[in-house]
Amino acid sequence: MTFEQEMAESDAQVVARNGRFEWTRRELLDLFNRSADRGNWKNPINRVVTLANDRELLGLREAIVFFTGSVPTLTAIGTNRYRVRATGYYRTIGA
């Protein structure tokens, strides 16, 4: 199996579930990238994001926990817009 095949297989795995929703690793990564610090994904998170629906809202929370180990706060600031804050990977692991 090639590296690309292994990555595709990994990305297709369901890695999170919340209620009736489930997400693959790729879906969580795409959601996480909307909120992560552009310079270094391990830094604290403080960003405004637009999310289309409850699945994306719950998925973003799952994504931040999955990739950083930190639990985010998501504050509604308008229709489908949220302020996302999380301590990030470095602070969560004590680095």
PDB file of N, CA and C in Angstrom:
ATOM      1  N   MET A   1       0.844  -1.178   0.000  1.00  0.00           N
ATOM      2  CA  MET A   1       0.000   0.000   0.000  1.00  0.00           C
ATOM      3  C   MET A   1       0.892   1.244   0.000  1.00  0.00           C
ATOM      4  N   THR A   2       0.584   2.196  -0.853  1.00  0.00           N
ATOM      5  CA  THR A   2       1.375   3.423  -0.930  1.00  0.00           C
ATOM      6  C   THR A   2       0.990   4.374   0.202  1.00  0.00           C
ATOM      7  N   PHE A   3       1.835   5.357   0.422  1.00  0.00           N
ATOM      8  CA  PHE A   3       1.559   6.375   1.434  1.00  0.00           C
ATOM      9  C   PHE A   3       0.237   7.076   1.147  1.00  0.00           C
ATOM     10  N   GLU A   4       0.007   7.416  -0.111  1.00  0.00           N
ATOM     11  CA  GLU A   4      -1.228   8.098  -0.497  1.00  0.00           C
ATOM     12  C   GLU A   4      -2.458   7.237  -0.202  1.00  0.00           C
ATOM     13  N   GLN A   5      -2.347   5.957  -0.447  1.00  0.00           N
ATOM     14  CA  GLN A   5      -3.454   5.053  -0.155  1.00  0.00           C
ATOM     15  C   GLN A   5      -3.701   4.952   1.353  1.00  0.00           C
ATOM     16  N   GLU A   6      -2.619   4.902   2.111  1.00  0.00           N
ATOM     17  CA  GLU A   6      -2.752   4.853   3.568  1.00  0.00           C
ATOM     18  C   GLU A   6      -3.418   6.121   4.103  1.00  0.00           C
ATOM     19  N   MET A   7      -3.035   7.267   3.566  1.00  0.00           N
ATOM     20  CA  MET A   7      -3.632   8.533   4.010  1.00  0.00           C
ATOM     21  C   MET A   7      -5.111   8.595   3.635  1.00  0.00           C
ATOM     22  N   ALA A   8      -5.442   8.153   2.450  1.00  0.00           N
ATOM     23  CA  ALA A   8      -6.843   8.149   2.022  1.00  0.00           C
ATOM     24  C   ALA A   8      -7.679   7.241   2.920  1.00  0.00           C
ATOM     25  N   GLU A   9      -7.112   6.100   3.269  1.00  0.00           N
ATOM     26  CA  GLU A   9      -7.807   5.175   4.154  1.00  0.00           C
ATOM     27  C   GLU A   9      -7.983   5.793   5.545  1.00  0.00           C
ATOM     28  N   SER A  10      -6.954   6.431   6.047  1.00  0.00           N
ATOM     29  CA  SER A  10      -7.021   7.092   7.350  1.00  0.00           C
ATOM     30  C   SER A  10      -8.053   8.219   7.343  1.00  0.00           C
ATOM     31  N   ASP A  11      -8.043   9.028   6.300  1.00  0.00           N
ATOM     32  CA  ASP A  11      -8.971  10.154   6.190  1.00  0.00           C
ATOM     33  C   ASP A  11     -10.426   9.700   6.118  1.00  0.00           C
ATOM     34  N   ALA A  12     -10.674   8.497   5.625  1.00  0.00           N
ATOM     35  CA  ALA A  12     -12.033   7.997   5.457  1.00  0.00           C
ATOM     36  C   ALA A  12     -12.597   7.351   6.728  1.00  0.00           C
ATOM     37  N   GLN A  13     -11.751   7.145   7.739  1.00  0.00           N
ATOM     38  CA  GLN A  13     -12.209   6.504   8.970  1.00  0.00           C
ATOM     39  C   GLN A  13     -13.092   7.439   9.785  1.00  0.00           C
ATOM     40  N   VAL A  14     -14.180   6.911  10.311  1.00  0.00           N
ATOM     41  CA  VAL A  14     -15.021   7.670  11.230  1.00  0.00           C
ATOM     42  C   VAL A  14     -14.292   7.717  12.563  1.00  0.00           C
ATOM     43  N   VAL A  15     -14.016   8.935  13.054  1.00  0.00           N
ATOM     44  CA  VAL A  15     -13.237   9.088  14.285  1.00  0.00           C
ATOM     45  C   VAL A  15     -13.996   9.821  15.382  1.00  0.00           C
ATOM     46  N   ALA A  16     -15.191  10.343  15.076  1.00  0.00           N
ATOM     47  CA  ALA A  16     -15.966  11.054  16.096  1.00  0.00           C
ATOM     48  C   ALA A  16     -17.452  10.847  15.848  1.00  0.00           C
ATOM     49  N   ARG A  17     -18.184  10.781  16.955  1.00  0.00           N
ATOM     50  CA  ARG A  17     -19.640  10.662  16.904  1.00  0.00           C
ATOM     51  C   ARG A  17     -20.216  11.550  17.988  1.00  0.00           C
ATOM     52  N   ASN A  18     -21.355  12.168  17.680  1.00  0.00           N
ATOM     53  CA  ASN A  18     -22.072  12.989  18.658  1.00  0.00           C
ATOM     54  C   ASN A  18     -23.544  12.921  18.297  1.00  0.00           C
ATOM     55  N   GLY A  19     -24.315  12.246  19.123  1.00  0.00           N
ATOM     56  CA  GLY A  19     -25.729  12.077  18.810  1.00  0.00           C
ATOM     57  C   GLY A  19     -25.903  11.322  17.507  1.00  0.00           C
ATOM     58  N   ARG A  20     -26.669  11.902  16.606  1.00  0.00           N
ATOM     59  CA  ARG A  20     -26.932  11.216  15.327  1.00  0.00           C
ATOM     60  C   ARG A  20     -25.868  11.506  14.265  1.00  0.00           C
ATOM     61  N   PHE A  21     -24.888  12.329  14.611  1.00  0.00           N
ATOM     62  CA  PHE A  21     -23.856  12.716  13.647  1.00  0.00           C
ATOM     63  C   PHE A  21     -22.578  11.920  13.844  1.00  0.00           C
ATOM     64  N   GLU A  22     -21.846  11.731  12.735  1.00  0.00           N
ATOM     65  CA  GLU A  22     -20.512  11.160  12.789  1.00  0.00           C
ATOM     66  C   GLU A  22     -19.649  11.852  11.744  1.00  0.00           C
ATOM     67  N   TRP A  23     -18.325  11.857  12.012  1.00  0.00           N
ATOM     68  CA  TRP A  23     -17.393  12.557  11.134  1.00  0.00           C
ATOM     69  C   TRP A  23     -16.172  11.690  10.868  1.00  0.00           C
ATOM     70  N   THR A  24     -15.674  11.809   9.653  1.00  0.00           N
ATOM     71  CA  THR A  24     -14.421  11.157   9.305  1.00  0.00           C
ATOM     72  C   THR A  24     -13.268  12.068   9.734  1.00  0.00           C
ATOM     73  N   ARG A  25     -12.080  11.513   9.724  1.00  0.00           N
ATOM     74  CA  ARG A  25     -10.897  12.311  10.061  1.00  0.00           C
ATOM     75  C   ARG A  25     -10.768  13.488   9.100  1.00  0.00           C
ATOM     76  N   ARG A  26     -11.021  13.287   7.829  1.00  0.00           N
ATOM     77  CA  ARG A  26     -10.928  14.353   6.830  1.00  0.00           C
ATOM     78  C   ARG A  26     -11.941  15.455   7.122  1.00  0.00           C
ATOM     79  N   GLU A  27     -13.169  15.088   7.470  1.00  0.00           N
ATOM     80  CA  GLU A  27     -14.185  16.094   7.780  1.00  0.00           C
ATOM     81  C   GLU A  27     -13.777  16.919   9.002  1.00  0.00           C
ATOM     82  N   LEU A  28     -13.242  16.254  10.021  1.00  0.00           N
ATOM     83  CA  LEU A  28     -12.790  16.998  11.199  1.00  0.00           C
ATOM     84  C   LEU A  28     -11.635  17.921  10.853  1.00  0.00           C
ATOM     85  N   LEU A  29     -10.710  17.452  10.032  1.00  0.00           N
ATOM     86  CA  LEU A  29      -9.586  18.293   9.646  1.00  0.00           C
ATOM     87  C   LEU A  29     -10.062  19.530   8.888  1.00  0.00           C
ATOM     88  N   ASP A  30     -10.994  19.362   7.983  1.00  0.00           N
ATOM     89  CA  ASP A  30     -11.521  20.505   7.230  1.00  0.00           C
ATOM     90  C   ASP A  30     -12.192  21.514   8.160  1.00  0.00           C
ATOM     91  N   LEU A  31     -12.965  21.030   9.126  1.00  0.00           N
ATOM     92  CA  LEU A  31     -13.601  21.925  10.095  1.00  0.00           C
ATOM     93  C   LEU A  31     -12.556  22.591  10.987  1.00  0.00           C
ATOM     94  N   PHE A  32     -11.596  21.816  11.462  1.00  0.00           N
ATOM     95  CA  PHE A  32     -10.549  22.356  12.324  1.00  0.00           C
ATOM     96  C   PHE A  32      -9.775  23.465  11.632  1.00  0.00           C
ATOM     97  N   ASN A  33      -9.455  23.271  10.365  1.00  0.00           N
ATOM     98  CA  ASN A  33      -8.679  24.268   9.633  1.00  0.00           C
ATOM     99  C   ASN A  33      -9.394  25.610   9.515  1.00  0.00           C
ATOM    100  N   ARG A  34     -10.699  25.626   9.650  1.00  0.00           N
ATOM    101  CA  ARG A  34     -11.435  26.894   9.629  1.00  0.00           C
ATOM    102  C   ARG A  34     -11.137  27.745  10.861  1.00  0.00           C
ATOM    103  N   SER A  35     -10.813  27.096  11.962  1.00  0.00           N
ATOM    104  CA  SER A  35     -10.630  27.828  13.212  1.00  0.00           C
ATOM    105  C   SER A  35      -9.178  27.915  13.673  1.00  0.00           C
ATOM    106  N   ALA A  36      -8.330  27.039  13.213  1.00  0.00           N
ATOM    107  CA  ALA A  36      -6.951  26.965  13.702  1.00  0.00           C
ATOM    108  C   ALA A  36      -6.157  28.217  13.350  1.00  0.00           C
ATOM    109  N   ASP A  37      -5.179  28.520  14.209  1.00  0.00           N
ATOM    110  CA  ASP A  37      -4.255  29.613  13.947  1.00  0.00           C
ATOM    111  C   ASP A  37      -3.542  29.344  12.628  1.00  0.00           C
ATOM    112  N   ARG A  38      -3.520  30.329  11.760  1.00  0.00           N
ATOM    113  CA  ARG A  38      -2.936  30.137  10.422  1.00  0.00           C
ATOM    114  C   ARG A  38      -1.421  29.919  10.465  1.00  0.00           C
ATOM    115  N   GLY A  39      -0.757  30.499  11.449  1.00  0.00           N
ATOM    116  CA  GLY A  39       0.690  30.370  11.541  1.00  0.00           C
ATOM    117  C   GLY A  39       1.153  29.065  12.153  1.00  0.00           C
ATOM    118  N   ASN A  40       0.369  28.564  13.132  1.00  0.00           N
ATOM    119  CA  ASN A  40       0.740  27.328  13.818  1.00  0.00           C
ATOM    120  C   ASN A  40      -0.516  26.745  14.445  1.00  0.00           C
ATOM    121  N   TRP A  41      -0.967  25.633  13.963  1.00  0.00           N
ATOM    122  CA  TRP A  41      -2.221  25.039  14.422  1.00  0.00           C
ATOM    123  C   TRP A  41      -2.214  24.678  15.898  1.00  0.00           C
ATOM    124  N   LYS A  42      -1.032  24.597  16.509  1.00  0.00           N
ATOM    125  CA  LYS A  42      -0.934  24.220  17.917  1.00  0.00           C
ATOM    126  C   LYS A  42      -1.154  25.393  18.875  1.00  0.00           C
ATOM    127  N   ASN A  43      -1.201  26.613  18.348  1.00  0.00           N
ATOM    128  CA  ASN A  43      -1.423  27.805  19.169  1.00  0.00           C
ATOM    129  C   ASN A  43      -2.869  27.880  19.650  1.00  0.00           C
ATOM    130  N   PRO A  44      -3.132  28.750  20.639  1.00  0.00           N
ATOM    131  CA  PRO A  44      -4.523  28.962  21.066  1.00  0.00           C
ATOM    132  C   PRO A  44      -5.400  29.387  19.890  1.00  0.00           C
ATOM    133  N   ILE A  45      -6.679  29.097  20.014  1.00  0.00           N
ATOM    134  CA  ILE A  45      -7.641  29.421  18.968  1.00  0.00           C
ATOM    135  C   ILE A  45      -8.501  30.597  19.425  1.00  0.00           C
ATOM    136  N   ASN A  46      -8.621  31.600  18.563  1.00  0.00           N
ATOM    137  CA  ASN A  46      -9.504  32.741  18.801  1.00  0.00           C
ATOM    138  C   ASN A  46      -9.881  33.278  17.429  1.00  0.00           C
ATOM    139  N   ARG A  47     -11.003  32.804  16.918  1.00  0.00           N
ATOM    140  CA  ARG A  47     -11.382  33.127  15.546  1.00  0.00           C
ATOM    141  C   ARG A  47     -12.898  33.156  15.426  1.00  0.00           C
ATOM    142  N   VAL A  48     -13.380  33.935  14.465  1.00  0.00           N
ATOM    143  CA  VAL A  48     -14.800  33.937  14.119  1.00  0.00           C
ATOM    144  C   VAL A  48     -14.963  33.061  12.886  1.00  0.00           C
ATOM    145  N   VAL A  49     -15.924  32.135  12.958  1.00  0.00           N
ATOM    146  CA  VAL A  49     -16.183  31.236  11.840  1.00  0.00           C
ATOM    147  C   VAL A  49     -17.665  31.266  11.491  1.00  0.00           C
ATOM    148  N   THR A  50     -17.949  30.940  10.261  1.00  0.00           N
ATOM    149  CA  THR A  50     -19.330  30.778   9.801  1.00  0.00           C
ATOM    150  C   THR A  50     -19.574  29.294   9.592  1.00  0.00           C
ATOM    151  N   LEU A  51     -20.646  28.810  10.193  1.00  0.00           N
ATOM    152  CA  LEU A  51     -20.979  27.391  10.109  1.00  0.00           C
ATOM    153  C   LEU A  51     -22.380  27.253   9.546  1.00  0.00           C
ATOM    154  N   ALA A  52     -22.568  26.312   8.660  1.00  0.00           N
ATOM    155  CA  ALA A  52     -23.824  26.189   7.920  1.00  0.00           C
ATOM    156  C   ALA A  52     -24.970  25.603   8.735  1.00  0.00           C
ATOM    157  N   ASN A  53     -24.647  24.726   9.700  1.00  0.00           N
ATOM    158  CA  ASN A  53     -25.727  24.010  10.385  1.00  0.00           C
ATOM    159  C   ASN A  53     -25.218  23.413  11.693  1.00  0.00           C
ATOM    160  N   ASP A  54     -26.127  22.732  12.409  1.00  0.00           N
ATOM    161  CA  ASP A  54     -25.766  22.118  13.689  1.00  0.00           C
ATOM    162  C   ASP A  54     -24.697  21.048  13.530  1.00  0.00           C
ATOM    163  N   ARG A  55     -24.707  20.328  12.429  1.00  0.00           N
ATOM    164  CA  ARG A  55     -23.687  19.297  12.220  1.00  0.00           C
ATOM    165  C   ARG A  55     -22.298  19.917  12.177  1.00  0.00           C
ATOM    166  N   GLU A  56     -22.157  21.037  11.477  1.00  0.00           N
ATOM    167  CA  GLU A  56     -20.858  21.716  11.435  1.00  0.00           C
ATOM    168  C   GLU A  56     -20.483  22.284  12.799  1.00  0.00           C
ATOM    169  N   LEU A  57     -21.444  22.815  13.524  1.00  0.00           N
ATOM    170  CA  LEU A  57     -21.174  23.363  14.855  1.00  0.00           C
ATOM    171  C   LEU A  57     -20.660  22.271  15.787  1.00  0.00           C
ATOM    172  N   LEU A  58     -21.372  21.165  15.865  1.00  0.00           N
ATOM    173  CA  LEU A  58     -20.929  20.059  16.704  1.00  0.00           C
ATOM    174  C   LEU A  58     -19.620  19.460  16.193  1.00  0.00           C
ATOM    175  N   GLY A  59     -19.474  19.392  14.876  1.00  0.00           N
ATOM    176  CA  GLY A  59     -18.258  18.855  14.280  1.00  0.00           C
ATOM    177  C   GLY A  59     -17.041  19.702  14.591  1.00  0.00           C
ATOM    178  N   LEU A  60     -17.207  21.025  14.599  1.00  0.00           N
ATOM    179  CA  LEU A  60     -16.075  21.892  14.925  1.00  0.00           C
ATOM    180  C   LEU A  60     -15.613  21.648  16.356  1.00  0.00           C
ATOM    181  N   ARG A  61     -16.570  21.517  17.265  1.00  0.00           N
ATOM    182  CA  ARG A  61     -16.208  21.209  18.656  1.00  0.00           C
ATOM    183  C   ARG A  61     -15.443  19.884  18.718  1.00  0.00           C
ATOM    184  N   GLU A  62     -15.967  18.872  18.056  1.00  0.00           N
ATOM    185  CA  GLU A  62     -15.300  17.564  18.032  1.00  0.00           C
ATOM    186  C   GLU A  62     -13.904  17.667  17.417  1.00  0.00           C
ATOM    187  N   ALA A  63     -13.766  18.460  16.367  1.00  0.00           N
ATOM    188  CA  ALA A  63     -12.480  18.609  15.675  1.00  0.00           C
ATOM    189  C   ALA A  63     -11.431  19.240  16.588  1.00  0.00           C
ATOM    190  N   ILE A  64     -11.815  20.278  17.312  1.00  0.00           N
ATOM    191  CA  ILE A  64     -10.854  20.948  18.192  1.00  0.00           C
ATOM    192  C   ILE A  64     -10.416  20.012  19.308  1.00  0.00           C
ATOM    193  N   VAL A  65     -11.354  19.285  19.885  1.00  0.00           N
ATOM    194  CA  VAL A  65     -10.998  18.305  20.913  1.00  0.00           C
ATOM    195  C   VAL A  65     -10.094  17.234  20.322  1.00  0.00           C
ATOM    196  N   PHE A  66     -10.427  16.730  19.142  1.00  0.00           N
ATOM    197  CA  PHE A  66      -9.664  15.662  18.493  1.00  0.00           C
ATOM    198  C   PHE A  66      -8.219  16.078  18.218  1.00  0.00           C
ATOM    199  N   PHE A  67      -8.023  17.274  17.671  1.00  0.00           N
ATOM    200  CA  PHE A  67      -6.676  17.675  17.251  1.00  0.00           C
ATOM    201  C   PHE A  67      -5.859  18.351  18.341  1.00  0.00           C
ATOM    202  N   THR A  68      -6.495  19.025  19.301  1.00  0.00           N
ATOM    203  CA  THR A  68      -5.723  19.766  20.305  1.00  0.00           C
ATOM    204  C   THR A  68      -5.883  19.233  21.712  1.00  0.00           C
ATOM    205  N   GLY A  69      -6.941  18.475  21.974  1.00  0.00           N
ATOM    206  CA  GLY A  69      -7.209  18.028  23.332  1.00  0.00           C
ATOM    207  C   GLY A  69      -7.866  19.088  24.186  1.00  0.00           C
ATOM    208  N   SER A  70      -8.046  20.285  23.653  1.00  0.00           N
ATOM    209  CA  SER A  70      -8.694  21.362  24.409  1.00  0.00           C
ATOM    210  C   SER A  70     -10.171  21.444  24.052  1.00  0.00           C
ATOM    211  N   VAL A  71     -10.961  21.876  25.018  1.00  0.00           N
ATOM    212  CA  VAL A  71     -12.401  21.989  24.819  1.00  0.00           C
ATOM    213  C   VAL A  71     -12.720  23.446  24.481  1.00  0.00           C
ATOM    214  N   PRO A  72     -13.301  23.683  23.309  1.00  0.00           N
ATOM    215  CA  PRO A  72     -13.553  25.061  22.884  1.00  0.00           C
ATOM    216  C   PRO A  72     -14.822  25.650  23.500  1.00  0.00           C
ATOM    217  N   THR A  73     -14.871  26.964  23.502  1.00  0.00           N
ATOM    218  CA  THR A  73     -16.130  27.664  23.744  1.00  0.00           C
ATOM    219  C   THR A  73     -16.540  28.257  22.402  1.00  0.00           C
ATOM    220  N   LEU A  74     -17.803  28.102  22.078  1.00  0.00           N
ATOM    221  CA  LEU A  74     -18.341  28.630  20.824  1.00  0.00           C
ATOM    222  C   LEU A  74     -19.489  29.555  21.202  1.00  0.00           C
ATOM    223  N   THR A  75     -19.324  30.842  20.917  1.00  0.00           N
ATOM    224  CA  THR A  75     -20.304  31.845  21.279  1.00  0.00           C
ATOM    225  C   THR A  75     -20.951  32.393  20.014  1.00  0.00           C
ATOM    226  N   ALA A  76     -22.268  32.294  19.935  1.00  0.00           N
ATOM    227  CA  ALA A  76     -22.991  32.817  18.772  1.00  0.00           C
ATOM    228  C   ALA A  76     -22.862  34.334  18.739  1.00  0.00           C
ATOM    229  N   ILE A  77     -22.508  34.872  17.578  1.00  0.00           N
ATOM    230  CA  ILE A  77     -22.387  36.325  17.421  1.00  0.00           C
ATOM    231  C   ILE A  77     -23.226  36.832  16.253  1.00  0.00           C
ATOM    232  N   GLY A  78     -24.031  35.995  15.707  1.00  0.00           N
ATOM    233  CA  GLY A  78     -24.886  36.346  14.581  1.00  0.00           C
ATOM    234  C   GLY A  78     -25.411  35.073  13.952  1.00  0.00           C
ATOM    235  N   THR A  79     -26.143  35.228  12.893  1.00  0.00           N
ATOM    236  CA  THR A  79     -26.693  34.071  12.206  1.00  0.00           C
ATOM    237  C   THR A  79     -25.570  33.214  11.644  1.00  0.00           C
ATOM    238  N   ASN A  80     -25.444  32.012  12.193  1.00  0.00           N
ATOM    239  CA  ASN A  80     -24.441  31.036  11.750  1.00  0.00           C
ATOM    240  C   ASN A  80     -23.004  31.494  11.948  1.00  0.00           C
ATOM    241  N   ARG A  81     -22.786  32.528  12.760  1.00  0.00           N
ATOM    242  CA  ARG A  81     -21.421  33.008  13.030  1.00  0.00           C
ATOM    243  C   ARG A  81     -21.109  32.802  14.506  1.00  0.00           C
ATOM    244  N   TYR A  82     -19.891  32.318  14.760  1.00  0.00           N
ATOM    245  CA  TYR A  82     -19.500  31.972  16.121  1.00  0.00           C
ATOM    246  C   TYR A  82     -18.081  32.443  16.407  1.00  0.00           C
ATOM    247  N   ARG A  83     -17.875  32.925  17.626  1.00  0.00           N
ATOM    248  CA  ARG A  83     -16.525  33.193  18.125  1.00  0.00           C
ATOM    249  C   ARG A  83     -16.062  31.890  18.744  1.00  0.00           C
ATOM    250  N   VAL A  84     -14.929  31.389  18.272  1.00  0.00           N
ATOM    251  CA  VAL A  84     -14.380  30.114  18.742  1.00  0.00           C
ATOM    252  C   VAL A  84     -13.110  30.402  19.527  1.00  0.00           C
ATOM    253  N   ARG A  85     -13.077  29.906  20.745  1.00  0.00           N
ATOM    254  CA  ARG A  85     -11.881  30.055  21.579  1.00  0.00           C
ATOM    255  C   ARG A  85     -11.530  28.696  22.178  1.00  0.00           C
ATOM    256  N   ALA A  86     -10.223  28.407  22.203  1.00  0.00           N
ATOM    257  CA  ALA A  86      -9.735  27.179  22.826  1.00  0.00           C
ATOM    258  C   ALA A  86      -8.281  27.394  23.222  1.00  0.00           C
ATOM    259  N   THR A  87      -7.843  26.690  24.233  1.00  0.00           N
ATOM    260  CA  THR A  87      -6.475  26.867  24.716  1.00  0.00           C
ATOM    261  C   THR A  87      -5.435  26.361  23.722  1.00  0.00           C
ATOM    262  N   GLY A  88      -5.805  25.432  22.876  1.00  0.00           N
ATOM    263  CA  GLY A  88      -4.873  24.929  21.871  1.00  0.00           C
ATOM    264  C   GLY A  88      -4.000  23.791  22.385  1.00  0.00           C
ATOM    265  N   TYR A  89      -3.292  23.206  21.474  1.00  0.00           N
ATOM    266  CA  TYR A  89      -2.482  22.012  21.758  1.00  0.00           C
ATOM    267  C   TYR A  89      -1.358  22.266  22.741  1.00  0.00           C
ATOM    268  N   TYR A  90      -0.543  23.312  22.493  1.00  0.00           N
ATOM    269  CA  TYR A  90       0.615  23.566  23.361  1.00  0.00           C
ATOM    270  C   TYR A  90       0.210  23.713  24.823  1.00  0.00           C
ATOM    271  N   ARG A  91      -0.782  24.543  25.090  1.00  0.00           N
ATOM    272  CA  ARG A  91      -1.194  24.782  26.484  1.00  0.00           C
ATOM    273  C   ARG A  91      -1.863  23.538  27.083  1.00  0.00           C
ATOM    274  N   THR A  92      -2.584  22.804  26.264  1.00  0.00           N
ATOM    275  CA  THR A  92      -3.261  21.608  26.768  1.00  0.00           C
ATOM    276  C   THR A  92      -2.257  20.567  27.238  1.00  0.00           C
ATOM    277  N   ILE A  93      -1.157  20.409  26.514  1.00  0.00           N
ATOM    278  CA  ILE A  93      -0.165  19.401  26.920  1.00  0.00           C
ATOM    279  C   ILE A  93       0.860  19.951  27.919  1.00  0.00           C
ATOM    280  N   GLY A  94       0.772  21.258  28.197  1.00  0.00           N
ATOM    281  CA  GLY A  94       1.664  21.858  29.163  1.00  0.00           C
ATOM    282  C   GLY A  94       3.013  22.277  28.608  1.00  0.00           C
ATOM    283  N   ALA A  95       3.065  22.505  27.314  1.00  0.00           N
ATOM    284  CA  ALA A  95       4.345  22.921  26.691  1.00  0.00           C
ATOM    285  C   ALA A  95       4.588  24.403  26.878  1.00  0.00           C
TER     286      ALA A  95
END
